[in-house]
Amino acid sequence: MLHIYCPHCGEFREEEEFHVKGQAHIARPLDPDACTDEEWGEYLYFRKNPRGKHHELWVHSAGCRKFFNVTRDTQTYEIQEVYLIGELPQQALQGAEK
């Protein structure tokens, strides 16, 4: 069982209190009315499904009901980082420094 840290509540809770909502950091089109059907379909339905490190959007559904981001290894299920929406993951920042 995973124990997930909620950055809003400030404590670790059991995974049953949370739900994953998919890939994090997906930019909404600036002008949806100007999108072609193909562009809109790409935005709505196509997501990365990598093996290894993945940034995901989670919600503390049985707690504070707030959203946050998680960096998780999809092979080992290890949670590497939890951070607020609007922030960049530290792992991405470390990669930029090299």
PDB file of N, CA and C in Angstrom:
ATOM      1  N   MET A   1       0.845  -1.181   0.000  1.00  0.00           N
ATOM      2  CA  MET A   1       0.000   0.000   0.000  1.00  0.00           C
ATOM      3  C   MET A   1       0.891   1.244   0.000  1.00  0.00           C
ATOM      4  N   LEU A   2       0.525   2.190  -0.819  1.00  0.00           N
ATOM      5  CA  LEU A   2       1.246   3.459  -0.869  1.00  0.00           C
ATOM      6  C   LEU A   2       0.777   4.380   0.250  1.00  0.00           C
ATOM      7  N   HIS A   3       1.698   5.160   0.760  1.00  0.00           N
ATOM      8  CA  HIS A   3       1.365   6.257   1.659  1.00  0.00           C
ATOM      9  C   HIS A   3       1.756   7.525   0.914  1.00  0.00           C
ATOM     10  N   ILE A   4       0.788   8.369   0.686  1.00  0.00           N
ATOM     11  CA  ILE A   4       0.971   9.549  -0.152  1.00  0.00           C
ATOM     12  C   ILE A   4       0.907  10.795   0.718  1.00  0.00           C
ATOM     13  N   TYR A   5       1.848  11.694   0.483  1.00  0.00           N
ATOM     14  CA  TYR A   5       1.891  12.962   1.215  1.00  0.00           C
ATOM     15  C   TYR A   5       0.987  13.969   0.511  1.00  0.00           C
ATOM     16  N   CYS A   6       0.052  14.549   1.249  1.00  0.00           N
ATOM     17  CA  CYS A   6      -0.798  15.611   0.700  1.00  0.00           C
ATOM     18  C   CYS A   6      -0.152  16.955   1.039  1.00  0.00           C
ATOM     19  N   PRO A   7       0.274  17.721   0.031  1.00  0.00           N
ATOM     20  CA  PRO A   7       0.921  18.996   0.319  1.00  0.00           C
ATOM     21  C   PRO A   7      -0.029  20.045   0.906  1.00  0.00           C
ATOM     22  N   HIS A   8      -1.327  19.829   0.794  1.00  0.00           N
ATOM     23  CA  HIS A   8      -2.304  20.766   1.346  1.00  0.00           C
ATOM     24  C   HIS A   8      -2.603  20.452   2.809  1.00  0.00           C
ATOM     25  N   CYS A   9      -2.760  19.164   3.123  1.00  0.00           N
ATOM     26  CA  CYS A   9      -3.042  18.750   4.505  1.00  0.00           C
ATOM     27  C   CYS A   9      -1.765  18.678   5.337  1.00  0.00           C
ATOM     28  N   GLY A  10      -0.636  18.420   4.665  1.00  0.00           N
ATOM     29  CA  GLY A  10       0.645  18.362   5.352  1.00  0.00           C
ATOM     30  C   GLY A  10       0.911  17.059   6.077  1.00  0.00           C
ATOM     31  N   GLU A  11       0.327  15.956   5.604  1.00  0.00           N
ATOM     32  CA  GLU A  11       0.577  14.681   6.258  1.00  0.00           C
ATOM     33  C   GLU A  11       0.458  13.536   5.260  1.00  0.00           C
ATOM     34  N   PHE A  12       1.041  12.381   5.624  1.00  0.00           N
ATOM     35  CA  PHE A  12       0.948  11.175   4.809  1.00  0.00           C
ATOM     36  C   PHE A  12      -0.368  10.479   5.105  1.00  0.00           C
ATOM     37  N   ARG A  13      -1.020  10.004   4.057  1.00  0.00           N
ATOM     38  CA  ARG A  13      -2.292   9.287   4.200  1.00  0.00           C
ATOM     39  C   ARG A  13      -2.247   8.051   3.308  1.00  0.00           C
ATOM     40  N   GLU A  14      -3.141   7.097   3.567  1.00  0.00           N
ATOM     41  CA  GLU A  14      -3.187   5.876   2.771  1.00  0.00           C
ATOM     42  C   GLU A  14      -3.740   6.159   1.377  1.00  0.00           C
ATOM     43  N   GLU A  15      -3.310   5.345   0.426  1.00  0.00           N
ATOM     44  CA  GLU A  15      -3.647   5.593  -0.982  1.00  0.00           C
ATOM     45  C   GLU A  15      -5.138   5.559  -1.285  1.00  0.00           C
ATOM     46  N   GLU A  16      -5.954   4.891  -0.455  1.00  0.00           N
ATOM     47  CA  GLU A  16      -7.395   4.832  -0.701  1.00  0.00           C
ATOM     48  C   GLU A  16      -8.057   6.203  -0.643  1.00  0.00           C
ATOM     49  N   GLU A  17      -7.395   7.169  -0.025  1.00  0.00           N
ATOM     50  CA  GLU A  17      -7.948   8.519   0.077  1.00  0.00           C
ATOM     51  C   GLU A  17      -7.717   9.348  -1.184  1.00  0.00           C
ATOM     52  N   PHE A  18      -6.932   8.831  -2.129  1.00  0.00           N
ATOM     53  CA  PHE A  18      -6.516   9.594  -3.296  1.00  0.00           C
ATOM     54  C   PHE A  18      -6.969   8.923  -4.586  1.00  0.00           C
ATOM     55  N   HIS A  19      -7.060   9.714  -5.642  1.00  0.00           N
ATOM     56  CA  HIS A  19      -7.327   9.198  -6.982  1.00  0.00           C
ATOM     57  C   HIS A  19      -6.379   9.893  -7.957  1.00  0.00           C
ATOM     58  N   VAL A  20      -5.812   9.105  -8.839  1.00  0.00           N
ATOM     59  CA  VAL A  20      -4.975   9.672  -9.889  1.00  0.00           C
ATOM     60  C   VAL A  20      -5.894  10.155 -11.010  1.00  0.00           C
ATOM     61  N   LYS A  21      -5.600  11.312 -11.559  1.00  0.00           N
ATOM     62  CA  LYS A  21      -6.447  11.909 -12.597  1.00  0.00           C
ATOM     63  C   LYS A  21      -5.759  11.978 -13.952  1.00  0.00           C
ATOM     64  N   GLY A  22      -4.561  11.408 -14.064  1.00  0.00           N
ATOM     65  CA  GLY A  22      -3.894  11.369 -15.360  1.00  0.00           C
ATOM     66  C   GLY A  22      -2.618  12.174 -15.386  1.00  0.00           C
ATOM     67  N   GLN A  23      -2.158  12.413 -16.575  1.00  0.00           N
ATOM     68  CA  GLN A  23      -0.895  13.108 -16.816  1.00  0.00           C
ATOM     69  C   GLN A  23      -0.967  14.559 -16.344  1.00  0.00           C
ATOM     70  N   ALA A  24       0.093  15.010 -15.707  1.00  0.00           N
ATOM     71  CA  ALA A  24       0.176  16.409 -15.243  1.00  0.00           C
ATOM     72  C   ALA A  24       0.790  17.285 -16.336  1.00  0.00           C
ATOM     73  N   HIS A  25       0.666  18.568 -16.174  1.00  0.00           N
ATOM     74  CA  HIS A  25       1.299  19.588 -17.024  1.00  0.00           C
ATOM     75  C   HIS A  25       0.804  19.563 -18.473  1.00  0.00           C
ATOM     76  N   ILE A  26      -0.488  19.366 -18.663  1.00  0.00           N
ATOM     77  CA  ILE A  26      -1.062  19.407 -20.004  1.00  0.00           C
ATOM     78  C   ILE A  26      -1.630  20.808 -20.215  1.00  0.00           C
ATOM     79  N   ALA A  27      -1.086  21.497 -21.196  1.00  0.00           N
ATOM     80  CA  ALA A  27      -1.506  22.877 -21.463  1.00  0.00           C
ATOM     81  C   ALA A  27      -2.776  22.887 -22.301  1.00  0.00           C
ATOM     82  N   ARG A  28      -3.785  23.593 -21.828  1.00  0.00           N
ATOM     83  CA  ARG A  28      -5.028  23.746 -22.580  1.00  0.00           C
ATOM     84  C   ARG A  28      -4.754  24.664 -23.767  1.00  0.00           C
ATOM     85  N   PRO A  29      -5.352  24.387 -24.921  1.00  0.00           N
ATOM     86  CA  PRO A  29      -5.158  25.272 -26.077  1.00  0.00           C
ATOM     87  C   PRO A  29      -5.586  26.711 -25.744  1.00  0.00           C
ATOM     88  N   LEU A  30      -4.816  27.672 -26.212  1.00  0.00           N
ATOM     89  CA  LEU A  30      -5.111  29.074 -25.911  1.00  0.00           C
ATOM     90  C   LEU A  30      -6.438  29.523 -26.509  1.00  0.00           C
ATOM     91  N   ASP A  31      -6.741  29.052 -27.706  1.00  0.00           N
ATOM     92  CA  ASP A  31      -8.001  29.403 -28.359  1.00  0.00           C
ATOM     93  C   ASP A  31      -8.686  28.122 -28.833  1.00  0.00           C
ATOM     94  N   PRO A  32      -9.465  27.468 -27.953  1.00  0.00           N
ATOM     95  CA  PRO A  32     -10.099  26.197 -28.325  1.00  0.00           C
ATOM     96  C   PRO A  32     -10.989  26.288 -29.549  1.00  0.00           C
ATOM     97  N   ASP A  33     -11.615  27.449 -29.771  1.00  0.00           N
ATOM     98  CA  ASP A  33     -12.500  27.603 -30.932  1.00  0.00           C
ATOM     99  C   ASP A  33     -11.734  27.562 -32.252  1.00  0.00           C
ATOM    100  N   ALA A  34     -10.448  27.882 -32.210  1.00  0.00           N
ATOM    101  CA  ALA A  34      -9.637  27.892 -33.423  1.00  0.00           C
ATOM    102  C   ALA A  34      -8.959  26.543 -33.678  1.00  0.00           C
ATOM    103  N   CYS A  35      -9.100  25.586 -32.765  1.00  0.00           N
ATOM    104  CA  CYS A  35      -8.473  24.270 -32.926  1.00  0.00           C
ATOM    105  C   CYS A  35      -9.204  23.445 -33.979  1.00  0.00           C
ATOM    106  N   THR A  36      -8.427  22.669 -34.706  1.00  0.00           N
ATOM    107  CA  THR A  36      -9.044  21.708 -35.613  1.00  0.00           C
ATOM    108  C   THR A  36      -9.552  20.532 -34.776  1.00  0.00           C
ATOM    109  N   ASP A  37     -10.366  19.693 -35.370  1.00  0.00           N
ATOM    110  CA  ASP A  37     -10.842  18.497 -34.660  1.00  0.00           C
ATOM    111  C   ASP A  37      -9.677  17.618 -34.234  1.00  0.00           C
ATOM    112  N   GLU A  38      -8.671  17.518 -35.092  1.00  0.00           N
ATOM    113  CA  GLU A  38      -7.496  16.702 -34.771  1.00  0.00           C
ATOM    114  C   GLU A  38      -6.744  17.275 -33.559  1.00  0.00           C
ATOM    115  N   GLU A  39      -6.529  18.592 -33.539  1.00  0.00           N
ATOM    116  CA  GLU A  39      -5.838  19.228 -32.403  1.00  0.00           C
ATOM    117  C   GLU A  39      -6.638  19.081 -31.114  1.00  0.00           C
ATOM    118  N   TRP A  40      -7.937  19.262 -31.188  1.00  0.00           N
ATOM    119  CA  TRP A  40      -8.785  19.150 -30.003  1.00  0.00           C
ATOM    120  C   TRP A  40      -8.803  17.707 -29.493  1.00  0.00           C
ATOM    121  N   GLY A  41      -8.894  16.746 -30.410  1.00  0.00           N
ATOM    122  CA  GLY A  41      -8.854  15.338 -30.031  1.00  0.00           C
ATOM    123  C   GLY A  41      -7.525  14.961 -29.394  1.00  0.00           C
ATOM    124  N   GLU A  42      -6.445  15.497 -29.925  1.00  0.00           N
ATOM    125  CA  GLU A  42      -5.113  15.262 -29.346  1.00  0.00           C
ATOM    126  C   GLU A  42      -5.054  15.772 -27.911  1.00  0.00           C
ATOM    127  N   TYR A  43      -5.581  16.966 -27.681  1.00  0.00           N
ATOM    128  CA  TYR A  43      -5.596  17.542 -26.333  1.00  0.00           C
ATOM    129  C   TYR A  43      -6.462  16.710 -25.377  1.00  0.00           C
ATOM    130  N   LEU A  44      -7.622  16.297 -25.814  1.00  0.00           N
ATOM    131  CA  LEU A  44      -8.561  15.606 -24.937  1.00  0.00           C
ATOM    132  C   LEU A  44      -8.190  14.156 -24.626  1.00  0.00           C
ATOM    133  N   TYR A  45      -7.677  13.429 -25.622  1.00  0.00           N
ATOM    134  CA  TYR A  45      -7.612  11.984 -25.478  1.00  0.00           C
ATOM    135  C   TYR A  45      -6.216  11.362 -25.454  1.00  0.00           C
ATOM    136  N   PHE A  46      -5.233  12.020 -25.994  1.00  0.00           N
ATOM    137  CA  PHE A  46      -3.927  11.375 -26.109  1.00  0.00           C
ATOM    138  C   PHE A  46      -3.006  11.808 -24.984  1.00  0.00           C
ATOM    139  N   ARG A  47      -2.500  10.794 -24.253  1.00  0.00           N
ATOM    140  CA  ARG A  47      -1.616  11.037 -23.112  1.00  0.00           C
ATOM    141  C   ARG A  47      -0.402  10.135 -23.214  1.00  0.00           C
ATOM    142  N   LYS A  48       0.663  10.568 -22.593  1.00  0.00           N
ATOM    143  CA  LYS A  48       1.862   9.743 -22.511  1.00  0.00           C
ATOM    144  C   LYS A  48       1.615   8.635 -21.498  1.00  0.00           C
ATOM    145  N   ASN A  49       2.204   7.492 -21.747  1.00  0.00           N
ATOM    146  CA  ASN A  49       2.107   6.361 -20.834  1.00  0.00           C
ATOM    147  C   ASN A  49       3.496   5.723 -20.725  1.00  0.00           C
ATOM    148  N   PRO A  50       4.447   6.463 -20.131  1.00  0.00           N
ATOM    149  CA  PRO A  50       5.833   5.997 -20.149  1.00  0.00           C
ATOM    150  C   PRO A  50       6.102   4.897 -19.125  1.00  0.00           C
ATOM    151  N   ARG A  51       7.143   4.181 -19.374  1.00  0.00           N
ATOM    152  CA  ARG A  51       7.675   3.253 -18.392  1.00  0.00           C
ATOM    153  C   ARG A  51       8.767   4.023 -17.656  1.00  0.00           C
ATOM    154  N   GLY A  52       8.602   4.176 -16.348  1.00  0.00           N
ATOM    155  CA  GLY A  52       9.575   4.924 -15.567  1.00  0.00           C
ATOM    156  C   GLY A  52       8.946   6.185 -14.983  1.00  0.00           C
ATOM    157  N   LYS A  53       9.733   7.240 -14.913  1.00  0.00           N
ATOM    158  CA  LYS A  53       9.302   8.483 -14.275  1.00  0.00           C
ATOM    159  C   LYS A  53       8.152   9.132 -15.050  1.00  0.00           C
ATOM    160  N   HIS A  54       7.111   9.527 -14.301  1.00  0.00           N
ATOM    161  CA  HIS A  54       5.923  10.119 -14.921  1.00  0.00           C
ATOM    162  C   HIS A  54       5.334  11.151 -13.953  1.00  0.00           C
ATOM    163  N   HIS A  55       4.957  12.307 -14.488  1.00  0.00           N
ATOM    164  CA  HIS A  55       4.317  13.357 -13.680  1.00  0.00           C
ATOM    165  C   HIS A  55       2.807  13.187 -13.803  1.00  0.00           C
ATOM    166  N   GLU A  56       2.137  13.063 -12.656  1.00  0.00           N
ATOM    167  CA  GLU A  56       0.700  12.777 -12.641  1.00  0.00           C
ATOM    168  C   GLU A  56      -0.061  13.805 -11.799  1.00  0.00           C
ATOM    169  N   LEU A  57      -1.312  13.990 -12.139  1.00  0.00           N
ATOM    170  CA  LEU A  57      -2.234  14.834 -11.388  1.00  0.00           C
ATOM    171  C   LEU A  57      -3.036  13.936 -10.448  1.00  0.00           C
ATOM    172  N   TRP A  58      -3.051  14.267  -9.158  1.00  0.00           N
ATOM    173  CA  TRP A  58      -3.781  13.494  -8.156  1.00  0.00           C
ATOM    174  C   TRP A  58      -4.734  14.409  -7.404  1.00  0.00           C
ATOM    175  N   VAL A  59      -5.763  13.813  -6.794  1.00  0.00           N
ATOM    176  CA  VAL A  59      -6.699  14.554  -5.949  1.00  0.00           C
ATOM    177  C   VAL A  59      -6.849  13.802  -4.632  1.00  0.00           C
ATOM    178  N   HIS A  60      -6.888  14.538  -3.540  1.00  0.00           N
ATOM    179  CA  HIS A  60      -7.114  13.966  -2.206  1.00  0.00           C
ATOM    180  C   HIS A  60      -8.631  13.886  -2.008  1.00  0.00           C
ATOM    181  N   SER A  61      -9.249  12.912  -2.643  1.00  0.00           N
ATOM    182  CA  SER A  61     -10.702  12.839  -2.743  1.00  0.00           C
ATOM    183  C   SER A  61     -11.403  12.552  -1.422  1.00  0.00           C
ATOM    184  N   ALA A  62     -10.770  11.844  -0.511  1.00  0.00           N
ATOM    185  CA  ALA A  62     -11.404  11.539   0.778  1.00  0.00           C
ATOM    186  C   ALA A  62     -10.850  12.425   1.895  1.00  0.00           C
ATOM    187  N   GLY A  63     -10.182  13.488   1.506  1.00  0.00           N
ATOM    188  CA  GLY A  63      -9.604  14.408   2.477  1.00  0.00           C
ATOM    189  C   GLY A  63      -9.989  15.839   2.140  1.00  0.00           C
ATOM    190  N   CYS A  64      -8.996  16.636   1.824  1.00  0.00           N
ATOM    191  CA  CYS A  64      -9.219  18.057   1.565  1.00  0.00           C
ATOM    192  C   CYS A  64      -9.825  18.334   0.184  1.00  0.00           C
ATOM    193  N   ARG A  65      -9.846  17.311  -0.699  1.00  0.00           N
ATOM    194  CA  ARG A  65     -10.405  17.404  -2.052  1.00  0.00           C
ATOM    195  C   ARG A  65      -9.641  18.367  -2.964  1.00  0.00           C
ATOM    196  N   LYS A  66      -8.387  18.596  -2.665  1.00  0.00           N
ATOM    197  CA  LYS A  66      -7.567  19.487  -3.490  1.00  0.00           C
ATOM    198  C   LYS A  66      -6.647  18.670  -4.394  1.00  0.00           C
ATOM    199  N   PHE A  67      -6.292  19.275  -5.520  1.00  0.00           N
ATOM    200  CA  PHE A  67      -5.434  18.635  -6.504  1.00  0.00           C
ATOM    201  C   PHE A  67      -3.976  18.996  -6.254  1.00  0.00           C
ATOM    202  N   PHE A  68      -3.088  18.095  -6.664  1.00  0.00           N
ATOM    203  CA  PHE A  68      -1.650  18.317  -6.590  1.00  0.00           C
ATOM    204  C   PHE A  68      -0.980  17.384  -7.586  1.00  0.00           C
ATOM    205  N   ASN A  69       0.317  17.556  -7.787  1.00  0.00           N
ATOM    206  CA  ASN A  69       1.066  16.734  -8.731  1.00  0.00           C
ATOM    207  C   ASN A  69       1.995  15.775  -8.005  1.00  0.00           C
ATOM    208  N   VAL A  70       2.241  14.644  -8.637  1.00  0.00           N
ATOM    209  CA  VAL A  70       3.113  13.612  -8.101  1.00  0.00           C
ATOM    210  C   VAL A  70       4.051  13.159  -9.217  1.00  0.00           C
ATOM    211  N   THR A  71       5.330  12.990  -8.897  1.00  0.00           N
ATOM    212  CA  THR A  71       6.262  12.339  -9.807  1.00  0.00           C
ATOM    213  C   THR A  71       6.419  10.921  -9.290  1.00  0.00           C
ATOM    214  N   ARG A  72       6.057   9.941 -10.140  1.00  0.00           N
ATOM    215  CA  ARG A  72       6.033   8.549  -9.708  1.00  0.00           C
ATOM    216  C   ARG A  72       6.695   7.672 -10.764  1.00  0.00           C
ATOM    217  N   ASP A  73       7.402   6.661 -10.306  1.00  0.00           N
ATOM    218  CA  ASP A  73       7.980   5.672 -11.205  1.00  0.00           C
ATOM    219  C   ASP A  73       6.905   4.631 -11.490  1.00  0.00           C
ATOM    220  N   THR A  74       6.518   4.490 -12.742  1.00  0.00           N
ATOM    221  CA  THR A  74       5.422   3.590 -13.089  1.00  0.00           C
ATOM    222  C   THR A  74       5.831   2.120 -13.050  1.00  0.00           C
ATOM    223  N   GLN A  75       7.115   1.823 -12.965  1.00  0.00           N
ATOM    224  CA  GLN A  75       7.562   0.436 -12.846  1.00  0.00           C
ATOM    225  C   GLN A  75       7.596  -0.021 -11.393  1.00  0.00           C
ATOM    226  N   THR A  76       8.071   0.839 -10.503  1.00  0.00           N
ATOM    227  CA  THR A  76       8.235   0.457  -9.097  1.00  0.00           C
ATOM    228  C   THR A  76       7.146   1.028  -8.208  1.00  0.00           C
ATOM    229  N   TYR A  77       6.332   1.924  -8.714  1.00  0.00           N
ATOM    230  CA  TYR A  77       5.294   2.656  -7.979  1.00  0.00           C
ATOM    231  C   TYR A  77       5.871   3.623  -6.946  1.00  0.00           C
ATOM    232  N   GLU A  78       7.182   3.782  -6.915  1.00  0.00           N
ATOM    233  CA  GLU A  78       7.814   4.683  -5.956  1.00  0.00           C
ATOM    234  C   GLU A  78       7.426   6.133  -6.264  1.00  0.00           C
ATOM    235  N   ILE A  79       6.938   6.810  -5.250  1.00  0.00           N
ATOM    236  CA  ILE A  79       6.638   8.234  -5.388  1.00  0.00           C
ATOM    237  C   ILE A  79       7.917   8.996  -5.098  1.00  0.00           C
ATOM    238  N   GLN A  80       8.382   9.727  -6.086  1.00  0.00           N
ATOM    239  CA  GLN A  80       9.653  10.423  -5.968  1.00  0.00           C
ATOM    240  C   GLN A  80       9.496  11.858  -5.491  1.00  0.00           C
ATOM    241  N   GLU A  81       8.308  12.427  -5.735  1.00  0.00           N
ATOM    242  CA  GLU A  81       8.111  13.839  -5.392  1.00  0.00           C
ATOM    243  C   GLU A  81       6.629  14.176  -5.397  1.00  0.00           C
ATOM    244  N   VAL A  82       6.234  15.052  -4.508  1.00  0.00           N
ATOM    245  CA  VAL A  82       4.880  15.604  -4.457  1.00  0.00           C
ATOM    246  C   VAL A  82       5.032  17.119  -4.468  1.00  0.00           C
ATOM    247  N   TYR A  83       4.266  17.796  -5.321  1.00  0.00           N
ATOM    248  CA  TYR A  83       4.387  19.246  -5.415  1.00  0.00           C
ATOM    249  C   TYR A  83       3.053  19.851  -5.837  1.00  0.00           C
ATOM    250  N   LEU A  84       2.889  21.128  -5.571  1.00  0.00           N
ATOM    251  CA  LEU A  84       1.638  21.833  -5.846  1.00  0.00           C
ATOM    252  C   LEU A  84       1.480  22.138  -7.332  1.00  0.00           C
ATOM    253  N   ILE A  85       0.257  22.261  -7.756  1.00  0.00           N
ATOM    254  CA  ILE A  85      -0.041  22.661  -9.128  1.00  0.00           C
ATOM    255  C   ILE A  85       0.488  24.084  -9.326  1.00  0.00           C
ATOM    256  N   GLY A  86       1.096  24.313 -10.465  1.00  0.00           N
ATOM    257  CA  GLY A  86       1.693  25.613 -10.748  1.00  0.00           C
ATOM    258  C   GLY A  86       3.177  25.641 -10.466  1.00  0.00           C
ATOM    259  N   GLU A  87       3.663  24.661  -9.718  1.00  0.00           N
ATOM    260  CA  GLU A  87       5.094  24.550  -9.443  1.00  0.00           C
ATOM    261  C   GLU A  87       5.717  23.578 -10.432  1.00  0.00           C
ATOM    262  N   LEU A  88       7.021  23.735 -10.668  1.00  0.00           N
ATOM    263  CA  LEU A  88       7.748  22.775 -11.486  1.00  0.00           C
ATOM    264  C   LEU A  88       8.312  21.700 -10.572  1.00  0.00           C
ATOM    265  N   PRO A  89       8.372  20.467 -11.040  1.00  0.00           N
ATOM    266  CA  PRO A  89       8.968  19.415 -10.224  1.00  0.00           C
ATOM    267  C   PRO A  89      10.462  19.659 -10.040  1.00  0.00           C
ATOM    268  N   GLN A  90      10.980  19.360  -8.868  1.00  0.00           N
ATOM    269  CA  GLN A  90      12.406  19.542  -8.591  1.00  0.00           C
ATOM    270  C   GLN A  90      13.258  18.705  -9.529  1.00  0.00           C
ATOM    271  N   GLN A  91      12.776  17.531  -9.916  1.00  0.00           N
ATOM    272  CA  GLN A  91      13.541  16.676 -10.815  1.00  0.00           C
ATOM    273  C   GLN A  91      13.707  17.335 -12.181  1.00  0.00           C
ATOM    274  N   ALA A  92      12.716  18.052 -12.635  1.00  0.00           N
ATOM    275  CA  ALA A  92      12.818  18.763 -13.908  1.00  0.00           C
ATOM    276  C   ALA A  92      13.820  19.907 -13.779  1.00  0.00           C
ATOM    277  N   LEU A  93      13.807  20.573 -12.628  1.00  0.00           N
ATOM    278  CA  LEU A  93      14.750  21.665 -12.392  1.00  0.00           C
ATOM    279  C   LEU A  93      16.183  21.144 -12.320  1.00  0.00           C
ATOM    280  N   GLN A  94      16.375  19.979 -11.698  1.00  0.00           N
ATOM    281  CA  GLN A  94      17.715  19.391 -11.602  1.00  0.00           C
ATOM    282  C   GLN A  94      18.237  19.017 -12.985  1.00  0.00           C
ATOM    283  N   GLY A  95      17.334  18.513 -13.834  1.00  0.00           N
ATOM    284  CA  GLY A  95      17.732  18.164 -15.196  1.00  0.00           C
ATOM    285  C   GLY A  95      18.116  19.373 -16.007  1.00  0.00           C
ATOM    286  N   ALA A  96      17.507  20.540 -15.723  1.00  0.00           N
ATOM    287  CA  ALA A  96      17.800  21.771 -16.448  1.00  0.00           C
ATOM    288  C   ALA A  96      19.163  22.354 -16.049  1.00  0.00           C
ATOM    289  N   GLU A  97      19.616  22.022 -14.842  1.00  0.00           N
ATOM    290  CA  GLU A  97      20.885  22.579 -14.351  1.00  0.00           C
ATOM    291  C   GLU A  97      22.086  21.897 -14.970  1.00  0.00           C
ATOM    292  N   LYS A  98      21.920  20.687 -15.477  1.00  0.00           N
ATOM    293  CA  LYS A  98      23.070  19.921 -16.006  1.00  0.00           C
ATOM    294  C   LYS A  98      23.580  20.467 -17.303  1.00  0.00           C
TER     295      LYS A  98
END
